[in-house]
Protein backbone atom coordinates (compact mmCIF):
# COMPACT_ATOMS: atom_id res chain seq x y z
CA MET A 1 53.35 -66.27 79.39
CA SER A 2 54.73 -67.93 76.41
CA VAL A 3 52.27 -68.71 73.22
CA GLN A 4 52.88 -71.31 70.89
CA PRO A 5 53.92 -70.74 67.01
CA ALA A 6 50.37 -69.80 64.85
CA ASN A 7 50.97 -71.17 61.47
CA ILE A 8 50.87 -67.47 60.31
CA ALA A 9 49.71 -68.03 56.53
CA ILE A 10 46.34 -69.58 57.48
CA ILE A 11 45.93 -67.02 59.94
CA LEU A 12 46.17 -64.28 56.88
CA LYS A 13 43.29 -66.60 55.03
CA MET A 14 40.79 -66.38 57.63
CA LEU A 15 41.93 -62.52 58.38
CA PRO A 16 37.96 -60.79 57.73
CA HIS A 17 37.76 -58.11 55.19
CA SER A 18 36.50 -55.69 57.98
CA PRO A 19 37.81 -52.61 59.87
CA GLY A 20 39.13 -53.16 62.88
CA VAL A 21 42.62 -53.62 64.74
CA TYR A 22 45.26 -56.12 64.78
CA ARG A 23 47.75 -57.44 67.25
CA PHE A 24 51.92 -59.46 66.87
CA LEU A 25 52.60 -61.14 69.68
CA ASP A 26 56.27 -62.57 70.18
CA ALA A 27 56.88 -66.06 71.36
CA SER A 28 56.76 -64.53 75.09
CA GLY A 29 53.30 -63.68 74.61
CA THR A 30 54.16 -60.29 74.73
CA VAL A 31 52.39 -57.27 72.24
CA ILE A 32 54.79 -55.93 70.16
CA TYR A 33 52.90 -53.64 67.86
CA VAL A 34 49.00 -52.61 67.61
CA GLY A 35 47.72 -51.35 64.36
CA LYS A 36 44.20 -50.14 62.85
CA ALA A 37 42.63 -51.08 59.33
CA LYS A 38 39.70 -50.34 57.72
CA ASP A 39 40.69 -53.63 55.90
CA LEU A 40 42.40 -56.11 58.50
CA LYS A 41 43.05 -58.92 55.83
CA ALA A 42 44.60 -56.74 52.75
CA ARG A 43 46.71 -54.21 55.93
CA VAL A 44 48.16 -57.63 57.84
CA SER A 45 49.14 -59.78 54.65
CA GLN A 46 50.99 -56.30 53.44
CA TYR A 47 53.79 -57.40 56.12
CA PHE A 48 53.90 -60.89 55.14
CA ARG A 49 54.62 -59.79 51.51
CA SER A 50 58.32 -60.51 49.82
CA GLY A 51 60.19 -56.30 49.77
CA GLY A 52 58.83 -53.33 50.48
CA LEU A 53 59.45 -52.99 53.83
CA ASN A 54 62.50 -51.08 55.53
CA ARG A 55 65.05 -53.33 57.71
CA LYS A 56 63.00 -52.38 60.98
CA THR A 57 60.02 -53.73 59.58
CA GLN A 58 61.14 -56.93 58.82
CA VAL A 59 62.94 -57.18 62.00
CA MET A 60 59.41 -57.19 63.67
CA VAL A 61 57.87 -59.11 61.53
CA SER A 62 60.61 -61.78 62.57
CA ARG A 63 59.57 -61.95 66.01
CA ILE A 64 55.98 -61.90 65.29
CA ALA A 65 54.27 -65.91 66.82
CA ASP A 66 50.88 -65.25 66.54
CA ILE A 67 48.56 -62.38 65.81
CA GLN A 68 45.02 -61.05 67.53
CA HIS A 69 42.59 -58.85 65.88
CA THR A 70 39.41 -57.26 67.01
CA VAL A 71 36.13 -56.41 64.75
CA VAL A 72 35.09 -52.67 65.18
CA GLY A 73 32.44 -50.98 63.20
CA SER A 74 34.08 -48.66 61.31
CA GLU A 75 37.15 -46.46 60.65
CA SER A 76 37.22 -44.17 63.27
CA ASP A 77 36.54 -46.89 65.98
CA ALA A 78 39.62 -48.66 64.97
CA PHE A 79 41.74 -45.31 65.62
CA LEU A 80 40.12 -44.95 68.85
CA LEU A 81 40.70 -48.55 69.75
CA GLU A 82 43.91 -48.54 68.64
CA ASN A 83 44.83 -45.45 70.83
CA ASN A 84 43.28 -47.32 73.84
CA LEU A 85 45.57 -50.62 73.68
CA ILE A 86 48.81 -48.55 72.99
CA LYS A 87 48.26 -47.14 75.79
CA LYS A 88 47.72 -50.23 77.81
CA TYR A 89 50.39 -52.67 76.05
CA GLN A 90 53.30 -49.73 74.92
CA PRO A 91 54.33 -51.94 72.37
CA ARG A 92 58.08 -51.56 71.27
CA TYR A 93 57.70 -50.99 67.83
CA ASN A 94 54.66 -48.53 68.13
CA ILE A 95 55.53 -44.82 67.64
CA LEU A 96 54.39 -43.76 71.09
CA LEU A 97 53.25 -40.10 72.28
CA LYS A 98 55.10 -39.21 75.31
CA ASP A 99 53.25 -35.81 75.69
CA GLY A 100 50.29 -37.96 76.51
CA LYS A 101 48.08 -36.98 73.48
CA THR A 102 45.26 -38.60 72.80
CA TYR A 103 41.97 -37.27 71.06
CA PRO A 104 39.72 -34.66 71.31
CA TRP A 105 36.84 -34.58 73.57
CA ILE A 106 33.85 -31.39 73.72
CA CYS A 107 32.87 -30.23 77.57
CA VAL A 108 30.36 -28.54 78.65
CA GLU A 109 31.53 -27.15 82.05
CA SER A 110 29.59 -27.06 85.67
CA GLY A 111 28.13 -24.19 87.27
CA ASN A 112 26.44 -21.06 86.03
CA PHE A 113 26.49 -20.14 82.38
CA PRO A 114 28.25 -22.76 81.43
CA ARG A 115 30.85 -22.86 78.47
CA VAL A 116 31.16 -25.21 75.91
CA THR A 117 34.58 -26.32 74.75
CA VAL A 118 36.84 -28.52 72.74
CA THR A 119 39.72 -30.12 75.55
CA ARG A 120 42.10 -33.58 75.46
CA ARG A 121 41.96 -33.61 78.83
CA PHE A 122 38.82 -35.18 80.74
CA VAL A 123 38.61 -34.03 84.12
CA ARG A 124 36.47 -35.67 86.41
CA ASN A 125 34.92 -32.30 87.88
CA GLY A 126 31.21 -31.92 87.51
CA SER A 127 31.23 -31.10 83.90
CA ARG A 128 29.96 -33.26 81.21
CA TYR A 129 32.33 -34.21 78.13
CA PHE A 130 30.87 -35.71 74.77
CA GLY A 131 33.05 -37.72 72.26
CA PRO A 132 35.98 -38.45 71.92
CA TYR A 133 36.32 -37.60 68.47
CA SER A 134 39.01 -39.37 65.37
CA SER A 135 39.46 -35.78 64.95
CA ALA A 136 40.73 -32.43 65.84
CA MET A 137 38.21 -31.38 62.99
CA HIS A 138 35.35 -32.72 63.82
CA ALA A 139 35.36 -31.51 67.55
CA HIS A 140 35.87 -27.89 66.09
CA GLY A 141 33.69 -28.30 62.99
CA LEU A 142 31.10 -29.38 65.41
CA LEU A 143 31.59 -26.54 67.98
CA GLU A 144 31.60 -24.05 65.12
CA LEU A 145 28.13 -25.65 64.73
CA ILE A 146 26.78 -25.05 67.41
CA ASN A 147 28.33 -21.63 68.00
CA SER A 148 26.39 -20.62 65.10
CA LEU A 149 23.07 -21.91 66.61
CA TYR A 150 22.75 -20.68 69.50
CA ARG A 151 24.87 -17.43 71.78
CA LEU A 152 26.76 -19.04 74.16
CA ARG A 153 29.85 -17.27 76.00
CA THR A 154 33.87 -17.85 75.26
CA CYS A 155 35.41 -15.93 78.19
CA ARG A 156 36.35 -17.21 81.35
CA MET A 157 35.46 -14.62 83.56
CA PRO A 158 33.31 -17.03 86.65
CA ILE A 159 30.13 -15.32 86.20
CA THR A 160 27.48 -15.14 88.70
CA ALA A 161 23.87 -14.37 89.34
CA GLU A 162 24.92 -11.61 92.52
CA GLY A 163 27.97 -10.13 90.02
CA VAL A 164 25.40 -9.78 87.36
CA ALA A 165 22.90 -8.29 89.82
CA LYS A 166 25.78 -5.53 91.12
CA GLY A 167 26.71 -4.68 87.08
CA LYS A 168 30.23 -6.31 87.96
CA TYR A 169 30.51 -7.35 84.26
CA LYS A 170 30.99 -5.36 80.64
CA VAL A 171 30.53 -6.66 77.09
CA CYS A 172 33.13 -8.48 75.21
CA LEU A 173 33.17 -7.95 71.42
CA ASP A 174 31.74 -11.18 70.94
CA TYR A 175 28.71 -9.26 71.76
CA HIS A 176 29.14 -6.43 69.14
CA LEU A 177 29.62 -9.30 66.97
CA GLY A 178 26.01 -11.04 68.07
CA ARG A 179 28.41 -13.89 68.61
CA CYS A 180 27.27 -14.04 72.30
CA ALA A 181 24.04 -13.06 73.91
CA GLY A 182 25.82 -11.09 76.90
CA PRO A 183 24.35 -12.72 79.74
CA CYS A 184 26.95 -11.05 82.14
CA VAL A 185 24.88 -7.90 81.87
CA GLY A 186 21.83 -9.66 82.00
CA LYS A 187 21.08 -9.69 78.27
CA MET A 188 20.02 -13.53 78.74
CA SER A 189 18.54 -14.71 81.72
CA GLU A 190 20.07 -17.85 82.90
CA ALA A 191 16.98 -20.16 82.51
CA GLU A 192 17.29 -19.03 78.77
CA TYR A 193 20.75 -19.67 78.73
CA GLY A 194 20.39 -23.06 80.41
CA ALA A 195 17.79 -23.58 77.56
CA GLN A 196 20.28 -23.25 75.17
CA ILE A 197 22.73 -25.75 76.91
CA ASP A 198 19.92 -28.23 77.09
CA ALA A 199 19.83 -27.84 73.01
CA THR A 200 23.66 -28.10 72.97
CA VAL A 201 23.93 -31.37 74.89
CA GLN A 202 21.20 -32.47 72.86
CA ILE A 203 23.17 -32.16 69.70
CA LEU A 204 25.96 -33.60 70.94
CA LYS A 205 23.84 -36.86 72.72
CA GLY A 206 22.87 -37.08 69.16
CA ASN A 207 19.16 -36.68 69.51
CA SER A 208 18.11 -34.09 67.10
CA TYR A 209 16.23 -35.69 64.47
CA SER A 210 14.49 -32.81 63.84
CA LEU A 211 17.60 -30.40 63.66
CA ILE A 212 18.80 -32.36 60.29
CA LYS A 213 15.25 -32.49 58.68
CA ASP A 214 15.11 -28.19 59.40
CA PHE A 215 18.88 -28.22 58.13
CA GLU A 216 17.66 -30.45 54.86
CA ARG A 217 14.40 -28.13 54.49
CA ARG A 218 16.86 -25.18 54.57
CA MET A 219 19.06 -26.71 52.18
CA ASN A 220 16.70 -27.30 49.10
CA GLU A 221 15.11 -24.43 49.55
CA CYS A 222 17.91 -22.09 48.75
CA ALA A 223 19.05 -24.80 46.43
CA ALA A 224 15.76 -24.20 45.02
CA ALA A 225 16.09 -20.52 44.91
CA LEU A 226 19.42 -21.16 43.17
CA LYS A 227 20.99 -19.67 46.40
CA PHE A 228 23.76 -22.19 46.02
CA GLU A 229 26.34 -20.73 48.55
CA GLU A 230 23.97 -20.85 51.07
CA ALA A 231 22.57 -24.02 50.31
CA GLN A 232 26.58 -24.75 50.66
CA ILE A 233 26.46 -23.88 54.43
CA TRP A 234 23.17 -25.65 55.91
CA LYS A 235 24.62 -28.76 53.60
CA GLU A 236 28.03 -28.35 55.44
CA ARG A 237 25.89 -28.43 58.71
CA LEU A 238 24.19 -31.18 57.68
CA ASP A 239 27.38 -32.91 57.67
CA LEU A 240 28.89 -32.29 60.63
CA LEU A 241 25.61 -33.44 62.34
CA GLN A 242 25.28 -36.88 60.70
CA LYS A 243 29.16 -37.51 60.79
CA HIS A 244 28.52 -36.72 64.61
CA TYR A 245 25.80 -38.92 64.82
CA ALA A 246 27.79 -42.25 63.84
CA LYS A 247 28.58 -42.70 67.53
CA SER A 248 31.49 -44.94 68.37
CA PHE A 249 31.09 -46.88 71.36
CA ILE A 250 34.76 -48.07 71.28
CA VAL A 251 34.95 -44.89 73.62
CA ASN A 252 32.42 -43.05 75.61
CA ALA A 253 31.80 -40.47 77.63
CA LYS A 254 29.61 -41.69 80.31
CA GLY A 255 32.56 -43.17 82.13
CA ILE A 256 30.89 -46.64 82.15
CA ASN A 257 32.60 -49.39 83.42
CA VAL A 258 31.52 -52.89 82.58
CA ASP A 259 32.61 -56.22 81.22
CA VAL A 260 30.92 -57.63 78.05
CA PHE A 261 30.76 -61.25 77.24
CA HIS A 262 29.25 -62.64 74.21
CA VAL A 263 28.61 -66.23 73.20
CA LEU A 264 27.74 -67.99 69.91
CA PHE A 265 27.17 -71.68 69.60
CA GLU A 266 28.07 -74.14 66.43
CA GLY A 267 27.04 -77.89 67.19
CA GLN A 268 29.43 -79.03 69.80
CA ASP A 269 31.70 -75.65 69.98
CA ALA A 270 31.00 -71.99 71.03
CA PHE A 271 32.77 -69.06 70.54
CA GLY A 272 32.95 -66.24 73.28
CA SER A 273 33.59 -62.71 73.40
CA PHE A 274 35.35 -60.47 76.10
CA LEU A 275 35.61 -56.89 76.42
CA ARG A 276 36.38 -54.73 78.99
CA VAL A 277 35.27 -51.16 79.21
CA HIS A 278 37.00 -49.01 81.97
CA ASP A 279 36.07 -45.20 82.45
CA GLY A 280 33.84 -45.65 79.35
CA CYS A 281 37.45 -47.24 77.02
CA ILE A 282 37.85 -50.65 75.80
CA VAL A 283 41.02 -51.05 76.88
CA GLN A 284 41.10 -54.84 76.55
CA SER A 285 39.39 -57.47 74.24
CA LEU A 286 39.67 -61.79 74.13
CA ASN A 287 38.01 -64.11 71.93
CA MET A 288 38.43 -67.92 72.66
CA GLU A 289 36.70 -71.24 71.44
CA ILE A 290 35.14 -73.22 73.24
CA ARG A 291 35.14 -77.27 72.77
CA MET A 292 31.85 -78.53 74.54
CA ARG A 293 32.82 -82.30 74.85
CA ILE A 294 28.94 -82.70 75.76
CA GLU A 295 25.71 -81.41 75.07
CA GLU A 296 25.19 -78.93 77.74
CA ASP A 297 22.80 -75.59 77.77
CA GLU A 298 23.85 -72.46 77.42
CA ALA A 299 23.46 -70.36 80.40
CA SER A 300 26.00 -73.07 81.62
CA VAL A 301 28.92 -72.73 78.59
CA LEU A 302 28.39 -68.61 79.33
CA GLY A 303 29.16 -69.21 82.99
CA SER A 304 32.30 -71.26 82.40
CA PHE A 305 33.26 -68.64 79.61
CA ILE A 306 33.04 -66.18 82.20
CA SER A 307 35.05 -68.06 85.03
CA GLY A 308 37.38 -68.96 82.62
CA ILE A 309 38.19 -65.57 81.29
CA TYR A 310 38.71 -64.28 85.00
CA GLY A 311 40.72 -67.34 86.00
CA ARG A 312 43.31 -66.50 82.27
CA LEU A 313 43.34 -62.63 83.52
CA GLU A 314 44.83 -63.96 87.02
CA GLN A 315 46.68 -66.39 86.00
CA PHE A 316 48.77 -64.45 84.05
CA GLY A 317 48.42 -60.53 86.18
CA ASP A 318 46.25 -58.98 83.65
CA ALA A 319 42.91 -58.81 86.00
CA GLY A 320 43.38 -55.25 86.41
CA ASP A 321 40.32 -53.98 88.66
CA SER A 322 36.97 -55.78 87.81
CA PRO A 323 34.00 -53.86 87.48
CA SER A 324 30.87 -54.60 89.82
CA GLU A 325 28.71 -54.99 86.30
CA ILE A 326 28.76 -57.39 83.98
CA VAL A 327 27.07 -57.37 80.59
CA VAL A 328 25.62 -60.45 78.84
CA PRO A 329 23.51 -61.91 76.04
CA PHE A 330 21.32 -63.66 78.63
CA MET A 331 21.39 -65.11 82.02
CA PRO A 332 24.47 -67.04 82.72
CA ASP A 333 24.51 -70.24 85.02
CA MET A 334 27.76 -69.53 86.99
CA PRO A 335 30.08 -72.22 88.63
CA GLU A 336 30.52 -70.08 91.45
CA ALA A 337 29.04 -67.05 92.02
CA LEU A 338 30.93 -63.71 91.76
CA PRO A 339 30.15 -61.38 94.83
CA GLY A 340 28.67 -57.65 94.84
CA VAL A 341 28.80 -58.51 90.64
CA THR A 342 25.45 -57.24 89.02
CA PHE A 343 24.41 -58.96 85.54
CA THR A 344 22.89 -57.08 83.08
CA VAL A 345 20.92 -58.15 79.95
CA PRO A 346 20.36 -54.64 77.86
CA GLU A 347 17.28 -54.47 76.07
CA LYS A 348 18.72 -50.57 74.57
CA GLY A 349 21.63 -48.07 74.93
CA ASP A 350 25.17 -48.01 74.90
CA ARG A 351 25.68 -51.62 76.65
CA LEU A 352 23.00 -52.79 74.29
CA ALA A 353 25.66 -51.38 71.68
CA LEU A 354 28.71 -52.98 73.07
CA LEU A 355 26.85 -56.26 73.51
CA GLU A 356 26.51 -55.83 69.46
CA LEU A 357 30.30 -55.48 69.24
CA GLY A 358 31.24 -58.31 71.38
CA ARG A 359 28.65 -60.84 69.12
CA LYS A 360 30.42 -59.58 65.98
CA ASN A 361 34.11 -60.04 67.32
CA ALA A 362 32.57 -63.74 68.34
CA ALA A 363 30.85 -64.15 64.74
CA ALA A 364 34.40 -63.19 63.48
CA LEU A 365 36.21 -65.94 65.24
CA LYS A 366 33.65 -68.53 64.27
CA PHE A 367 33.94 -67.30 60.73
CA GLU A 368 38.03 -67.72 60.92
CA ARG A 369 37.76 -71.28 62.68
CA LEU A 370 35.02 -72.75 60.57
CA LYS A 371 37.16 -71.45 57.48
CA HIS A 372 40.27 -72.53 58.86
CA GLU A 373 39.10 -76.06 59.69
CA GLU A 374 37.40 -76.24 56.05
CA PHE A 375 41.00 -75.29 54.86
CA VAL A 376 42.87 -77.93 56.98
CA ASN A 377 40.34 -80.85 57.59
CA PRO A 378 37.75 -80.22 54.49
CA GLU A 379 36.29 -84.00 55.71
CA GLU A 380 35.66 -83.14 59.25
CA HIS A 381 34.32 -79.30 57.78
CA SER A 382 31.31 -81.26 55.76
CA ALA A 383 30.86 -83.68 59.05
CA ARG A 384 29.94 -80.73 60.89
CA ILE A 385 27.81 -79.45 58.43
CA VAL A 386 25.82 -81.91 58.12
CA GLU A 387 25.52 -83.03 61.65
CA ASN A 388 24.43 -79.42 62.30
CA LEU A 389 21.87 -80.06 59.76
CA ARG A 390 20.57 -83.35 60.80
CA ARG A 391 20.14 -81.37 64.84
CA ASP A 392 18.78 -78.49 63.50
CA LEU A 393 16.22 -79.97 61.32
CA GLY A 394 15.35 -83.15 64.36
CA MET A 395 16.32 -85.75 61.47
CA GLU A 396 17.25 -89.14 62.47
CA GLU A 397 19.51 -89.93 59.81
CA LEU A 398 22.17 -87.60 58.45
CA PRO A 399 21.56 -85.65 54.77
CA VAL A 400 24.40 -86.30 53.30
CA HIS A 401 22.58 -86.05 50.20
CA ILE A 402 20.34 -83.25 49.80
CA GLU A 403 18.61 -82.35 46.51
CA CYS A 404 16.79 -78.92 45.82
CA PHE A 405 13.94 -78.18 43.31
CA ASP A 406 13.08 -74.42 42.08
CA ASN A 407 10.31 -73.30 39.17
CA SER A 408 11.13 -70.88 36.84
CA ASN A 409 9.03 -69.17 33.95
CA ILE A 410 8.07 -65.98 32.96
CA GLN A 411 4.21 -65.14 32.40
CA GLY A 412 3.55 -68.93 32.06
CA THR A 413 6.28 -68.95 28.91
CA ASN A 414 9.00 -71.83 28.55
CA PRO A 415 8.20 -72.92 32.10
CA VAL A 416 11.59 -74.97 33.57
CA ALA A 417 12.37 -76.58 36.59
CA SER A 418 15.52 -77.15 38.14
CA CYS A 419 17.10 -79.93 40.79
CA VAL A 420 20.16 -79.38 42.15
CA VAL A 421 22.20 -82.07 44.21
CA PHE A 422 24.70 -81.51 47.49
CA ARG A 423 26.57 -84.44 48.86
CA ASP A 424 27.97 -84.10 52.34
CA GLY A 425 26.84 -80.22 52.45
CA ALA A 426 28.64 -79.14 49.03
CA PRO A 427 27.58 -79.18 45.93
CA SER A 428 27.43 -82.08 43.71
CA LYS A 429 27.19 -80.16 40.04
CA LYS A 430 27.59 -83.82 37.71
CA ASP A 431 24.45 -84.80 39.65
CA TYR A 432 22.53 -81.21 38.73
CA ARG A 433 18.93 -81.54 36.47
CA HIS A 434 16.97 -79.47 34.35
CA PHE A 435 13.14 -80.58 33.68
CA ASN A 436 11.12 -78.87 31.05
CA ILE A 437 7.46 -79.06 32.06
CA LYS A 438 5.15 -80.99 29.67
CA THR A 439 1.81 -81.62 31.30
CA VAL A 440 0.98 -77.91 32.90
CA VAL A 441 -0.43 -75.84 30.49
CA GLY A 442 0.40 -71.44 31.82
CA ALA A 443 2.06 -70.05 34.96
CA ASN A 444 1.18 -72.88 37.44
CA ASP A 445 4.03 -73.20 39.93
CA PHE A 446 2.40 -75.75 42.27
CA ALA A 447 0.74 -78.21 39.23
CA SER A 448 4.48 -77.69 37.71
CA MET A 449 6.23 -78.84 41.07
CA LYS A 450 4.77 -81.45 41.35
CA GLU A 451 5.05 -82.87 38.39
CA VAL A 452 9.14 -82.53 38.55
CA VAL A 453 9.01 -83.99 41.67
CA ASN A 454 6.98 -87.32 40.62
CA ARG A 455 9.45 -87.29 37.36
CA ARG A 456 12.66 -87.07 39.30
CA TYR A 457 11.67 -90.13 41.74
CA SER A 458 9.48 -92.30 40.29
CA ARG A 459 12.90 -92.54 37.94
CA LEU A 460 15.27 -92.87 40.40
CA LEU A 461 13.22 -95.55 41.66
CA SER A 462 12.79 -97.76 38.60
CA GLU A 463 16.29 -97.07 37.88
CA GLY A 464 16.99 -98.01 41.66
CA GLU A 465 18.99 -95.30 42.62
CA GLU A 466 19.48 -94.27 45.95
CA LEU A 467 17.06 -91.30 47.41
CA PRO A 468 18.62 -88.07 49.10
CA GLN A 469 17.62 -87.76 53.06
CA LEU A 470 15.97 -84.09 52.61
CA ILE A 471 14.60 -82.66 49.46
CA VAL A 472 14.27 -78.70 49.97
CA ILE A 473 11.67 -77.02 48.00
CA ASP A 474 12.58 -72.85 46.60
CA GLY A 475 9.01 -71.89 47.84
CA GLY A 476 6.10 -71.23 50.04
CA ARG A 477 3.16 -73.69 51.41
CA GLY A 478 2.13 -74.38 48.43
CA GLN A 479 5.02 -75.34 46.34
CA VAL A 480 5.97 -77.70 49.56
CA ASN A 481 2.08 -79.61 49.47
CA ALA A 482 2.61 -79.78 45.24
CA ALA A 483 5.74 -81.69 46.46
CA TYR A 484 4.50 -84.17 49.19
CA GLU A 485 1.21 -85.12 47.01
CA ALA A 486 3.74 -86.10 44.60
CA LEU A 487 5.70 -88.25 47.37
CA ASP A 488 3.01 -89.37 48.87
CA GLU A 489 1.94 -91.09 45.34
CA LEU A 490 4.97 -92.87 45.16
CA GLY A 491 4.75 -94.10 48.53
CA LEU A 492 7.74 -92.26 49.56
CA ILE A 493 6.15 -90.31 52.86
CA GLY A 494 8.26 -91.01 55.70
CA LYS A 495 11.69 -92.31 53.74
CA VAL A 496 12.40 -88.94 52.68
CA ARG A 497 12.19 -85.42 55.21
CA LEU A 498 10.92 -82.49 53.09
CA ILE A 499 10.82 -79.03 53.73
CA GLY A 500 10.65 -75.87 52.17
CA LEU A 501 12.87 -72.87 52.49
CA ALA A 502 10.77 -69.66 51.69
CA LYS A 503 13.10 -65.87 50.73
CA ARG A 504 10.81 -63.85 52.60
CA MET A 505 12.04 -64.84 56.39
CA GLU A 506 14.48 -67.65 55.41
CA GLU A 507 11.70 -69.51 57.20
CA ILE A 508 11.40 -73.49 57.54
CA ILE A 509 8.19 -74.93 55.84
CA VAL A 510 7.31 -78.25 57.05
CA PRO A 511 4.35 -80.12 55.54
CA GLY A 512 1.57 -80.79 58.23
CA ASP A 513 2.54 -77.97 60.31
CA PRO A 514 0.94 -74.17 59.96
CA TYR A 515 3.33 -72.47 61.87
CA PRO A 516 7.15 -72.45 60.37
CA HIS A 517 10.31 -73.04 61.53
CA PHE A 518 13.29 -70.86 62.21
CA ILE A 519 17.02 -71.47 62.19
CA ASP A 520 19.88 -69.17 63.90
CA ARG A 521 20.68 -67.20 61.19
CA ASN A 522 24.31 -67.48 62.06
CA SER A 523 24.49 -71.01 61.83
CA THR A 524 25.63 -73.15 59.08
CA SER A 525 22.77 -75.24 58.49
CA LEU A 526 20.61 -71.94 57.52
CA ARG A 527 23.72 -71.33 55.36
CA VAL A 528 24.02 -74.43 53.80
CA LEU A 529 20.18 -74.35 53.09
CA MET A 530 20.59 -70.83 51.94
CA HIS A 531 23.38 -71.93 49.15
CA ILE A 532 21.47 -74.83 47.82
CA ARG A 533 18.38 -72.77 47.61
CA ASP A 534 20.41 -69.99 45.79
CA GLU A 535 22.15 -72.80 43.69
CA ALA A 536 18.71 -73.72 42.76
CA HIS A 537 17.68 -70.10 41.45
CA ARG A 538 20.50 -69.69 39.53
CA PHE A 539 20.93 -72.79 37.86
CA GLY A 540 16.99 -72.99 36.50
CA ILE A 541 17.19 -69.17 35.73
CA THR A 542 20.28 -70.41 33.22
CA HIS A 543 18.29 -72.88 31.88
CA HIS A 544 15.50 -70.69 31.39
CA ARG A 545 17.02 -67.67 29.28
CA ASN A 546 19.04 -70.42 27.34
CA ARG A 547 15.57 -71.96 26.61
CA ARG A 548 14.06 -68.63 25.82
CA SER A 549 16.77 -67.61 23.88
CA THR A 550 16.48 -71.05 21.62
CA SER A 551 13.07 -70.40 21.13
CA SER A 552 13.22 -66.61 19.89
CA LEU A 553 15.71 -68.40 17.58
CA VAL A 554 13.38 -70.75 16.11
CA SER A 555 10.61 -68.44 15.66
CA GLU A 556 12.52 -66.12 13.29
CA LEU A 557 13.95 -69.23 11.71
CA ASP A 558 10.52 -70.37 10.95
CA ASN A 559 10.03 -67.53 8.32
CA ILE A 560 13.04 -67.65 5.94
CA PRO A 561 12.32 -69.92 3.06
CA GLY A 562 14.32 -72.78 1.95
CA VAL A 563 15.63 -73.59 5.13
CA GLY A 564 14.20 -76.43 6.65
CA ALA A 565 13.46 -77.89 10.28
CA VAL A 566 17.00 -79.93 10.16
CA SER A 567 19.06 -77.29 9.04
CA ARG A 568 17.05 -75.32 11.18
CA GLU A 569 17.99 -77.28 14.32
CA LYS A 570 21.90 -77.34 13.28
CA LEU A 571 22.22 -73.94 13.34
CA VAL A 572 20.18 -73.76 16.45
CA ALA A 573 22.47 -76.37 18.06
CA LYS A 574 25.78 -74.77 16.61
CA TYR A 575 25.38 -70.98 17.09
CA ARG A 576 22.04 -71.16 19.66
CA THR A 577 21.82 -66.39 19.16
CA MET A 578 20.51 -65.02 15.90
CA SER A 579 23.61 -62.31 16.03
CA ARG A 580 26.02 -64.93 16.11
CA ILE A 581 24.62 -66.12 12.86
CA LYS A 582 24.46 -63.02 11.40
CA LYS A 583 28.70 -62.62 12.22
CA ALA A 584 29.37 -66.52 11.11
CA PRO A 585 31.33 -66.54 7.37
CA TYR A 586 29.73 -67.97 4.46
CA ARG A 587 31.56 -70.79 4.22
CA GLU A 588 31.29 -71.92 7.91
CA VAL A 589 27.49 -71.71 7.52
CA VAL A 590 27.42 -73.59 4.12
CA ASN A 591 29.41 -76.45 6.24
CA VAL A 592 27.08 -76.74 8.74
CA ILE A 593 23.48 -76.39 6.51
CA GLY A 594 24.83 -76.98 2.80
CA ARG A 595 25.11 -74.49 -0.01
CA ARG A 596 21.57 -74.14 -0.88
CA SER A 597 20.22 -73.44 3.07
CA ALA A 598 23.30 -71.06 3.63
CA ASP A 599 22.76 -68.87 -0.24
CA SER A 600 18.59 -68.70 0.91
CA LEU A 601 19.57 -67.81 4.73
CA PHE A 602 22.59 -64.91 3.88
CA THR A 603 20.10 -63.96 0.51
CA TRP A 604 16.90 -63.26 3.22
CA LEU A 605 18.80 -62.00 6.15
CA GLY A 606 20.37 -59.52 3.10
CA LEU A 607 24.50 -60.93 4.05
CA GLU A 608 27.49 -61.13 1.92
CA LYS A 609 28.90 -63.92 0.94
CA SER A 610 32.36 -63.31 2.31
C-alpha cells in the first residue's frame, strides 16, 4: 500500500489540542512510529521545528509522508492505546519491549478463598481481571487499599473446604499481624470470605459510591478533630479510589470483541470513525471522510461506510478476525448482508463508552477537514456554511446576509441595543451598528427590541439598501414577537426570515410556532448562529459600558463651577473617564478647554498645575 505525500504543514495546523496517539507513515503506507501525547498539536509539531532533534530522529522525520491520529479521553488512555498499537504495527523507530512487558492488571483468582494479586499476564483460567493500569504504582496502591479494608489471604496454599475441616493448615504471620482472617483454620467461613471478595470486586468495578462518601466523611471528621495524619491517610485512600474510577475504555478486562462504527454528518459530507476492539483492547482505528454525490439517508451512509471499511481492510490484507458484533449509533442500511453479524445500538455500559470514543474521533476528523477547507479554500468553506444554514432552517433563499439584534441595560439605566452583520457566514464589522433607546422608559426589553428593529429597517427601506435574508434575535419568544410586530408594521413579513436563539438550550424560536426547533449541536449552522448571537452580545455590552462610563463622567463634571457644557463635551470626548482627566498634564487640558476652565477644573479637583 502506498500513500500520496500529504501536506504536512496543513496537517499540523489541523491537529487538535487533545490527548491522543499519533502515527507517522512513510511513502509505502507503513507505520514507522507510534507516539502518545497529552496535547497532539503541541507534541507532533515539535518534530518539525528546526533544531533540537538528534540525527536518528531527523532521518525518521524526513521519511514521514502522512500523519494519522486518534483522539482519546485522557493521558492514561493515550498510554494504553500507544502500547496496543506498538504491539500491532511493530514500528521501526519505536522502542520495542522484547521481554513482552505490558501494563499490570489486578486479578481475582478463581477457586475457594481466592487471592487478589497484581499481574502482567492475562490468562483465561476462570479468574477475573481488572485494568489494565497505566502504572504499576496505581495497581499496587489500589491492592494495598483493598488489603487495608478487607482481610484477604496472600498465601499460595490451595485451600479446600475438606482441608480446613481436617485441620491440614496452620495460620501464618499475616494472621498474627491482623492482615488475614485465617480462613485456612476456619476463623472465617467461605461465605464470609466470599462477601469480602464481592465487596472487592465492586471496588474494582467502580461501584462504591457509598465507600467514597464514607472516606470523605472520615477524612473530614479527622481534620475537624485536628488528627491530620489520620486525615491524610483517608485522603490518600480517597484519591486512590477516585483515580481508579476514572475508567479507561482503551482497554477493558471483560474481553469484548467488537467493531465500533460512528458517522457524523455535515451537509453533503459525512465523517466516519472505525475502532476494532479485540479481547477488550482497541487494536485498530481508522477515520475517513465520505463525500456524498446525492442526497442520501443516514442509515444508507452508515451501511456504505461499514462495507467500505471491511473492503479496504481485505484489500490491504489487514482484515484479521472480524468480530460477530458491530456497535453502531443507529441501525445501518447495508448494501449486502453480513452473515453471522449482530448489530448493537448500546444505551449504557462499556459499548456506549466505546461508541462515544468513536464519536469523538469522527468529530475530530470533521473539525480537521472543515478547518483545512477554511484555510485552503475559504470561498468554498463559506458557501458550505451558508448552504447548511439554509437547509437546517428550511429557507428557500441562501442566508448570505444575516443581522442579529441584542438589548443591553442594567436596571433600566442607559438602555442600548446592538446590530451585528454577517456576510457569507463571517462578521462584517464595518456594518455593525449601535442604538441608544429613545422612546422606551425603564427596563422593557420587548418594547426596546421593537423600537430598534423598526428604526433599523425603516432606514434601510428609505435609503434603498438591501435587506438581510435572515434576522436573528438574541432572546426568547417575547423579544421575537416584538421584532415580528415591527417587521409586520413595515410590511416585511414574508420578505425576510426571522428567528430567535435562546441561550438556555440553544433552541430556535420561530414566530407563530409554539414549539422550539433544535439544530444538531455539532453542526456548523448552530456554531454560526451562536457566533453571531455572542458577537451581538459582546458588541452591545461594550457600547453599554462606554455609555455608562460617559454618563458617570458627565454627572461628575456637572457639579464643577466654571466648566460649561461645551467644555464638558470636550473633556468627555478627549478623556472618557475622570481618572484620565486627573492624570492629564495641565498644559494639555488648557489646550482642550482653555485656561479659565482648566483653572476651575484643577482647583475643584485639588490638582497641581504642573
